Amino acid sequence: MYRFAGNKVYLRDVAQRFGVCPTTTYRQNNRVMNFLCDIAGNIIKFSDKENAANEFFEIAGFPKVLGCIDGTFIKVQTPAHKIKSTYVNRHDIPSITLQGICDARKRFVDAFTGIPSKIHDARVLKLSDVHEALPGLCEGNKYHILGDGAYPIREWLIVPYKDYGNLSERQKLFNKKFYATRVLIENAFGLLKGRFRQLIEVDMHNIDKISKFIISCCVLHNLYIDNNDDFNFPIELEHNVDEPYNEERREQEALLRRLGEIKRNQLLERLFP
């Protein structure tokens, strides 16, 4: 599978290179993907919370961080029997979103994919399994993960202060530490796409199969890091931008946002008393 995933080639090219029947290569590739997806739960998972928080703290001094979250586009061909317009991103390119949460070692502790990139990052988070689990994983407001401005602020999900030109010096320093820590998820996506070049554009036409392939690459990504097989390949990533702010919020949304802002202000006071 690595020969196929790590290079922009077709399976028939891999079969020809190794003198194997294309049908056999196809079946073996599916078998490996199924195996990697079966063990994904043991490889892609949150580790010891205190150790994770300490590793993040050593980077820029940001406390009690369990992970950094973001989404990235995975360019695909228009899936079979699907309408192209439902899968295009803001660049009018058919793609699906890979939502990832990484630790300080750039390992994925959660990965969720299969959702069209037309859907906003905040909505993708709500659709993912980890959304319901995160408040418990973060033990209320004891720990948190870091996300960019595309996500709604929560006690367990901290986002940077929006800069409209009126931020205080402490808030600017807060954002600086925040960005120095959160950039790890961008680095993790860069390593993933650099090692598995097939993810630059997946040449498959079935969403389930595409999702299996992406998760398989995330599993291998973690295994390589666990075995100290690291490298850096430069690659240009698509960066998601904030959608216009929606003024019509429900009361519950406003309450959750306010609690998140209180938590962020507490962190600000802790970092810059």
Protein backbone atom coordinates (compact mmCIF):
# COMPACT_ATOMS: atom_id res chain seq x y z
CA MET A 1 0.00 0.00 0.00
CA TYR A 2 2.82 2.43 0.83
CA ARG A 3 4.10 2.40 -2.75
CA PHE A 4 0.66 3.49 -3.92
CA ALA A 5 -0.11 5.94 -1.09
CA GLY A 6 3.32 7.56 -1.08
CA ASN A 7 3.43 8.35 -4.80
CA LYS A 8 1.12 9.78 -7.43
CA VAL A 9 0.74 6.50 -9.29
CA TYR A 10 -2.07 4.14 -10.21
CA LEU A 11 -2.46 0.68 -8.74
CA ARG A 12 -1.77 -0.83 -12.15
CA ASP A 13 1.61 0.95 -12.14
CA VAL A 14 2.43 -0.64 -8.79
CA ALA A 15 1.34 -4.02 -10.09
CA GLN A 16 3.52 -3.67 -13.17
CA ARG A 17 6.54 -2.58 -11.13
CA PHE A 18 6.38 -5.65 -8.89
CA GLY A 19 5.20 -8.08 -11.52
CA VAL A 20 1.86 -8.74 -9.85
CA CYS A 21 -1.58 -9.09 -11.37
CA PRO A 22 -3.51 -5.78 -11.09
CA THR A 23 -6.47 -7.59 -9.57
CA THR A 24 -4.23 -9.04 -6.86
CA THR A 25 -2.76 -5.61 -6.14
CA TYR A 26 -6.25 -4.14 -5.87
CA ARG A 27 -7.38 -6.83 -3.44
CA GLN A 28 -4.25 -6.62 -1.32
CA ASN A 29 -4.56 -2.85 -1.11
CA ASN A 30 -8.15 -3.17 0.12
CA ARG A 31 -7.09 -5.83 2.62
CA VAL A 32 -4.38 -3.60 4.08
CA MET A 33 -6.77 -0.62 4.30
CA ASN A 34 -9.36 -2.74 6.11
CA PHE A 35 -6.72 -3.95 8.58
CA LEU A 36 -5.44 -0.42 9.26
CA CYS A 37 -8.98 0.86 9.82
CA ASP A 38 -9.63 -2.04 12.22
CA ILE A 39 -6.67 -1.06 14.41
CA ALA A 40 -7.25 2.69 14.05
CA GLY A 41 -8.94 2.87 17.46
CA ASN A 42 -5.78 1.58 19.12
CA ILE A 43 -3.44 3.92 17.22
CA ILE A 44 -5.43 7.15 16.87
CA LYS A 45 -6.43 7.98 20.44
CA PHE A 46 -5.85 10.44 23.25
CA SER A 47 -2.92 9.58 25.51
CA ASP A 48 -2.28 10.44 29.17
CA LYS A 49 -3.73 13.90 29.73
CA GLU A 50 -1.08 15.30 32.06
CA ASN A 51 1.76 14.16 29.79
CA ALA A 52 0.00 15.62 26.75
CA ALA A 53 -0.57 18.95 28.53
CA ASN A 54 3.05 19.10 29.70
CA GLU A 55 4.36 18.45 26.17
CA PHE A 56 2.21 21.28 24.80
CA PHE A 57 3.26 23.59 27.65
CA GLU A 58 6.93 23.14 26.72
CA ILE A 59 6.27 24.52 23.23
CA ALA A 60 5.05 28.04 24.06
CA GLY A 61 3.89 27.97 27.66
CA PHE A 62 0.18 27.50 26.89
CA PRO A 63 -1.35 25.49 29.77
CA LYS A 64 -3.68 22.46 29.89
CA VAL A 65 -3.83 21.75 26.15
CA LEU A 66 -4.83 18.24 25.06
CA GLY A 67 -4.74 18.81 21.31
CA CYS A 68 -5.07 21.16 18.34
CA ILE A 69 -7.96 20.84 15.90
CA ASP A 70 -8.40 21.91 12.29
CA GLY A 71 -9.69 20.69 8.95
CA THR A 72 -7.94 20.29 5.62
CA PHE A 73 -9.22 19.71 2.10
CA ILE A 74 -8.57 16.37 0.41
CA LYS A 75 -9.09 16.88 -3.32
CA VAL A 76 -11.09 14.08 -4.96
CA GLN A 77 -12.79 13.25 -8.20
CA THR A 78 -16.54 13.83 -8.07
CA PRO A 79 -17.82 10.69 -6.29
CA ALA A 80 -19.86 8.24 -8.32
CA HIS A 81 -23.59 9.00 -8.41
CA LYS A 82 -23.04 12.31 -6.59
CA ILE A 83 -23.64 15.92 -7.65
CA LYS A 84 -20.42 17.90 -8.00
CA SER A 85 -21.85 21.07 -6.46
CA THR A 86 -22.40 19.31 -3.12
CA TYR A 87 -18.68 18.49 -2.81
CA VAL A 88 -16.96 21.64 -4.08
CA ASN A 89 -15.03 23.84 -1.67
CA ARG A 90 -14.66 27.62 -1.87
CA HIS A 91 -12.19 27.16 -4.75
CA ASP A 92 -14.84 25.25 -6.72
CA ILE A 93 -12.79 22.04 -6.42
CA PRO A 94 -14.45 18.75 -5.41
CA SER A 95 -13.01 17.69 -2.07
CA ILE A 96 -13.82 16.21 1.28
CA THR A 97 -12.69 17.45 4.68
CA LEU A 98 -10.30 15.65 6.98
CA GLN A 99 -10.80 16.91 10.51
CA GLY A 100 -7.83 16.13 12.70
CA ILE A 101 -6.81 16.67 16.31
CA CYS A 102 -3.09 16.28 16.96
CA ASP A 103 -0.86 16.12 20.02
CA ALA A 104 2.44 17.89 20.61
CA ARG A 105 4.31 15.22 18.61
CA LYS A 106 2.07 15.88 15.58
CA ARG A 107 0.37 12.50 16.02
CA PHE A 108 -3.34 12.35 15.31
CA VAL A 109 -5.37 11.65 18.43
CA ASP A 110 -8.61 11.89 16.45
CA ALA A 111 -9.41 11.82 12.74
CA PHE A 112 -12.79 12.23 11.06
CA THR A 113 -13.45 12.40 7.33
CA GLY A 114 -15.97 11.74 4.57
CA ILE A 115 -17.81 15.07 4.86
CA PRO A 116 -17.98 17.31 1.75
CA SER A 117 -15.73 20.36 1.99
CA LYS A 118 -18.69 22.60 1.20
CA ILE A 119 -19.62 22.20 4.88
CA HIS A 120 -18.02 24.63 7.33
CA ASP A 121 -15.44 23.39 9.86
CA ALA A 122 -17.71 24.15 12.82
CA ARG A 123 -20.46 22.00 11.30
CA VAL A 124 -18.00 19.19 10.59
CA LEU A 125 -17.03 19.21 14.27
CA LYS A 126 -20.68 18.90 15.30
CA LEU A 127 -21.13 15.94 12.96
CA SER A 128 -18.05 14.12 14.27
CA ASP A 129 -18.15 11.53 17.04
CA VAL A 130 -15.55 13.39 19.09
CA HIS A 131 -17.84 16.42 19.53
CA GLU A 132 -19.92 14.72 22.21
CA ALA A 133 -16.87 13.16 23.84
CA LEU A 134 -14.70 16.28 24.14
CA PRO A 135 -16.41 17.87 27.19
CA GLY A 136 -15.83 14.64 29.10
CA LEU A 137 -12.29 14.20 27.81
CA CYS A 138 -11.48 17.75 28.87
CA GLU A 139 -13.08 17.18 32.28
CA GLY A 140 -15.30 20.22 32.00
CA ASN A 141 -12.99 23.23 31.95
CA LYS A 142 -9.85 21.61 33.36
CA TYR A 143 -8.34 20.90 29.93
CA HIS A 144 -9.06 22.19 26.43
CA ILE A 145 -8.15 21.88 22.78
CA LEU A 146 -7.14 24.77 20.52
CA GLY A 147 -8.90 25.72 17.30
CA ASP A 148 -8.85 28.66 14.89
CA GLY A 149 -11.53 31.30 14.46
CA ALA A 150 -13.69 28.97 12.39
CA TYR A 151 -14.77 27.16 15.56
CA PRO A 152 -17.15 28.38 18.28
CA ILE A 153 -15.47 29.09 21.60
CA ARG A 154 -16.28 26.69 24.44
CA GLU A 155 -14.83 25.89 27.84
CA TRP A 156 -13.18 22.87 26.20
CA LEU A 157 -12.39 24.59 22.87
CA ILE A 158 -10.35 27.78 23.01
CA VAL A 159 -10.03 30.07 19.99
CA PRO A 160 -7.92 33.24 19.62
CA TYR A 161 -9.14 36.76 20.30
CA LYS A 162 -10.53 38.31 17.13
CA ASP A 163 -8.32 41.20 16.10
CA TYR A 164 -10.33 44.24 15.02
CA GLY A 165 -7.46 46.56 15.81
CA ASN A 166 -8.42 47.06 19.45
CA LEU A 167 -6.64 44.18 21.21
CA SER A 168 -4.67 44.92 24.36
CA GLU A 169 -0.99 43.99 24.58
CA ARG A 170 -1.85 41.06 26.81
CA GLN A 171 -4.40 39.77 24.32
CA LYS A 172 -1.84 40.07 21.52
CA LEU A 173 0.69 38.11 23.58
CA PHE A 174 -2.02 35.56 24.34
CA ASN A 175 -2.70 35.12 20.62
CA LYS A 176 1.03 34.80 19.92
CA LYS A 177 1.37 31.91 22.37
CA PHE A 178 -1.86 30.45 21.04
CA TYR A 179 -0.73 30.46 17.40
CA ALA A 180 2.71 29.09 18.28
CA THR A 181 0.95 26.09 19.81
CA ARG A 182 -1.95 25.60 17.40
CA VAL A 183 0.31 25.61 14.33
CA LEU A 184 1.18 21.99 15.15
CA ILE A 185 -2.01 20.77 13.48
CA GLU A 186 -0.99 22.56 10.28
CA ASN A 187 2.41 20.87 10.55
CA ALA A 188 0.74 17.50 11.10
CA PHE A 189 -1.33 17.89 7.92
CA GLY A 190 1.81 18.94 6.05
CA LEU A 191 3.68 15.82 7.20
CA LEU A 192 0.70 13.62 6.32
CA LYS A 193 0.35 14.97 2.78
CA GLY A 194 4.09 15.09 2.30
CA ARG A 195 4.52 11.42 3.11
CA PHE A 196 1.35 10.23 1.37
CA ARG A 197 1.35 12.15 -1.89
CA GLN A 198 -1.80 10.35 -3.01
CA LEU A 199 -3.71 12.60 -0.57
CA ILE A 200 -2.96 15.62 -2.75
CA GLU A 201 -5.69 14.25 -5.02
CA VAL A 202 -7.28 10.89 -4.27
CA ASP A 203 -8.10 9.04 -7.48
CA MET A 204 -11.05 7.04 -6.12
CA HIS A 205 -14.76 7.40 -6.74
CA ASN A 206 -16.37 5.85 -3.69
CA ILE A 207 -16.67 7.95 -0.52
CA ASP A 208 -16.41 4.97 1.83
CA LYS A 209 -13.26 3.79 0.11
CA ILE A 210 -11.78 7.31 0.09
CA SER A 211 -12.50 7.64 3.81
CA LYS A 212 -10.86 4.28 4.52
CA PHE A 213 -7.81 5.31 2.57
CA ILE A 214 -7.47 8.63 4.43
CA ILE A 215 -7.86 7.01 7.85
CA SER A 216 -5.34 4.33 6.83
CA CYS A 217 -2.82 7.05 6.00
CA CYS A 218 -3.45 8.68 9.40
CA VAL A 219 -2.79 5.34 11.13
CA LEU A 220 0.48 4.89 9.23
CA HIS A 221 1.40 8.50 9.99
CA ASN A 222 1.14 7.77 13.73
CA LEU A 223 3.05 4.51 13.43
CA TYR A 224 5.91 6.25 11.65
CA ILE A 225 6.14 8.89 14.39
CA ASP A 226 5.95 6.23 17.12
CA ASN A 227 8.93 4.53 15.49
CA ASN A 228 10.86 7.82 15.11
CA ASP A 229 10.66 7.75 11.32
CA ASP A 230 10.19 11.49 10.87
CA PHE A 231 10.90 13.79 7.96
CA ASN A 232 9.79 17.13 6.55
CA PHE A 233 8.56 17.58 3.00
CA PRO A 234 7.35 21.07 2.10
CA ILE A 235 3.79 21.17 0.87
CA GLU A 236 1.29 23.97 0.41
CA LEU A 237 -1.85 23.51 2.48
CA GLU A 238 -5.30 24.95 1.95
CA HIS A 239 -6.24 27.17 4.87
CA ASN A 240 -9.87 27.46 5.82
CA VAL A 241 -11.19 30.93 6.54
CA ASP A 242 -13.90 32.12 8.86
CA GLU A 243 -17.45 32.34 7.57
CA PRO A 244 -19.42 35.49 8.28
CA TYR A 245 -20.53 35.64 11.89
CA ASN A 246 -24.16 34.67 12.38
CA GLU A 247 -25.95 37.11 14.67
CA GLU A 248 -28.96 34.85 15.21
CA ARG A 249 -27.69 32.57 17.95
CA ARG A 250 -29.76 30.46 20.23
CA GLU A 251 -29.67 31.24 23.94
CA GLN A 252 -27.83 28.02 24.64
CA GLU A 253 -25.18 28.88 22.06
CA ALA A 254 -24.73 32.31 23.66
CA LEU A 255 -24.33 30.75 27.11
CA LEU A 256 -21.76 28.21 25.92
CA ARG A 257 -19.84 30.94 24.10
CA ARG A 258 -19.84 33.14 27.20
CA LEU A 259 -18.49 30.29 29.34
CA GLY A 260 -15.75 29.79 26.78
CA GLU A 261 -14.87 33.49 26.86
CA ILE A 262 -14.67 33.38 30.66
CA LYS A 263 -12.32 30.41 30.42
CA ARG A 264 -10.16 32.25 27.85
CA ASN A 265 -9.98 35.34 30.08
CA GLN A 266 -8.94 33.15 33.00
CA LEU A 267 -6.15 31.74 30.86
CA LEU A 268 -5.14 35.28 29.92
CA GLU A 269 -4.90 36.26 33.60
CA ARG A 270 -2.91 33.11 34.32
CA LEU A 271 -0.43 33.69 31.50
CA PHE A 272 -0.07 37.45 31.98
CA PRO A 273 -1.01 38.41 35.56
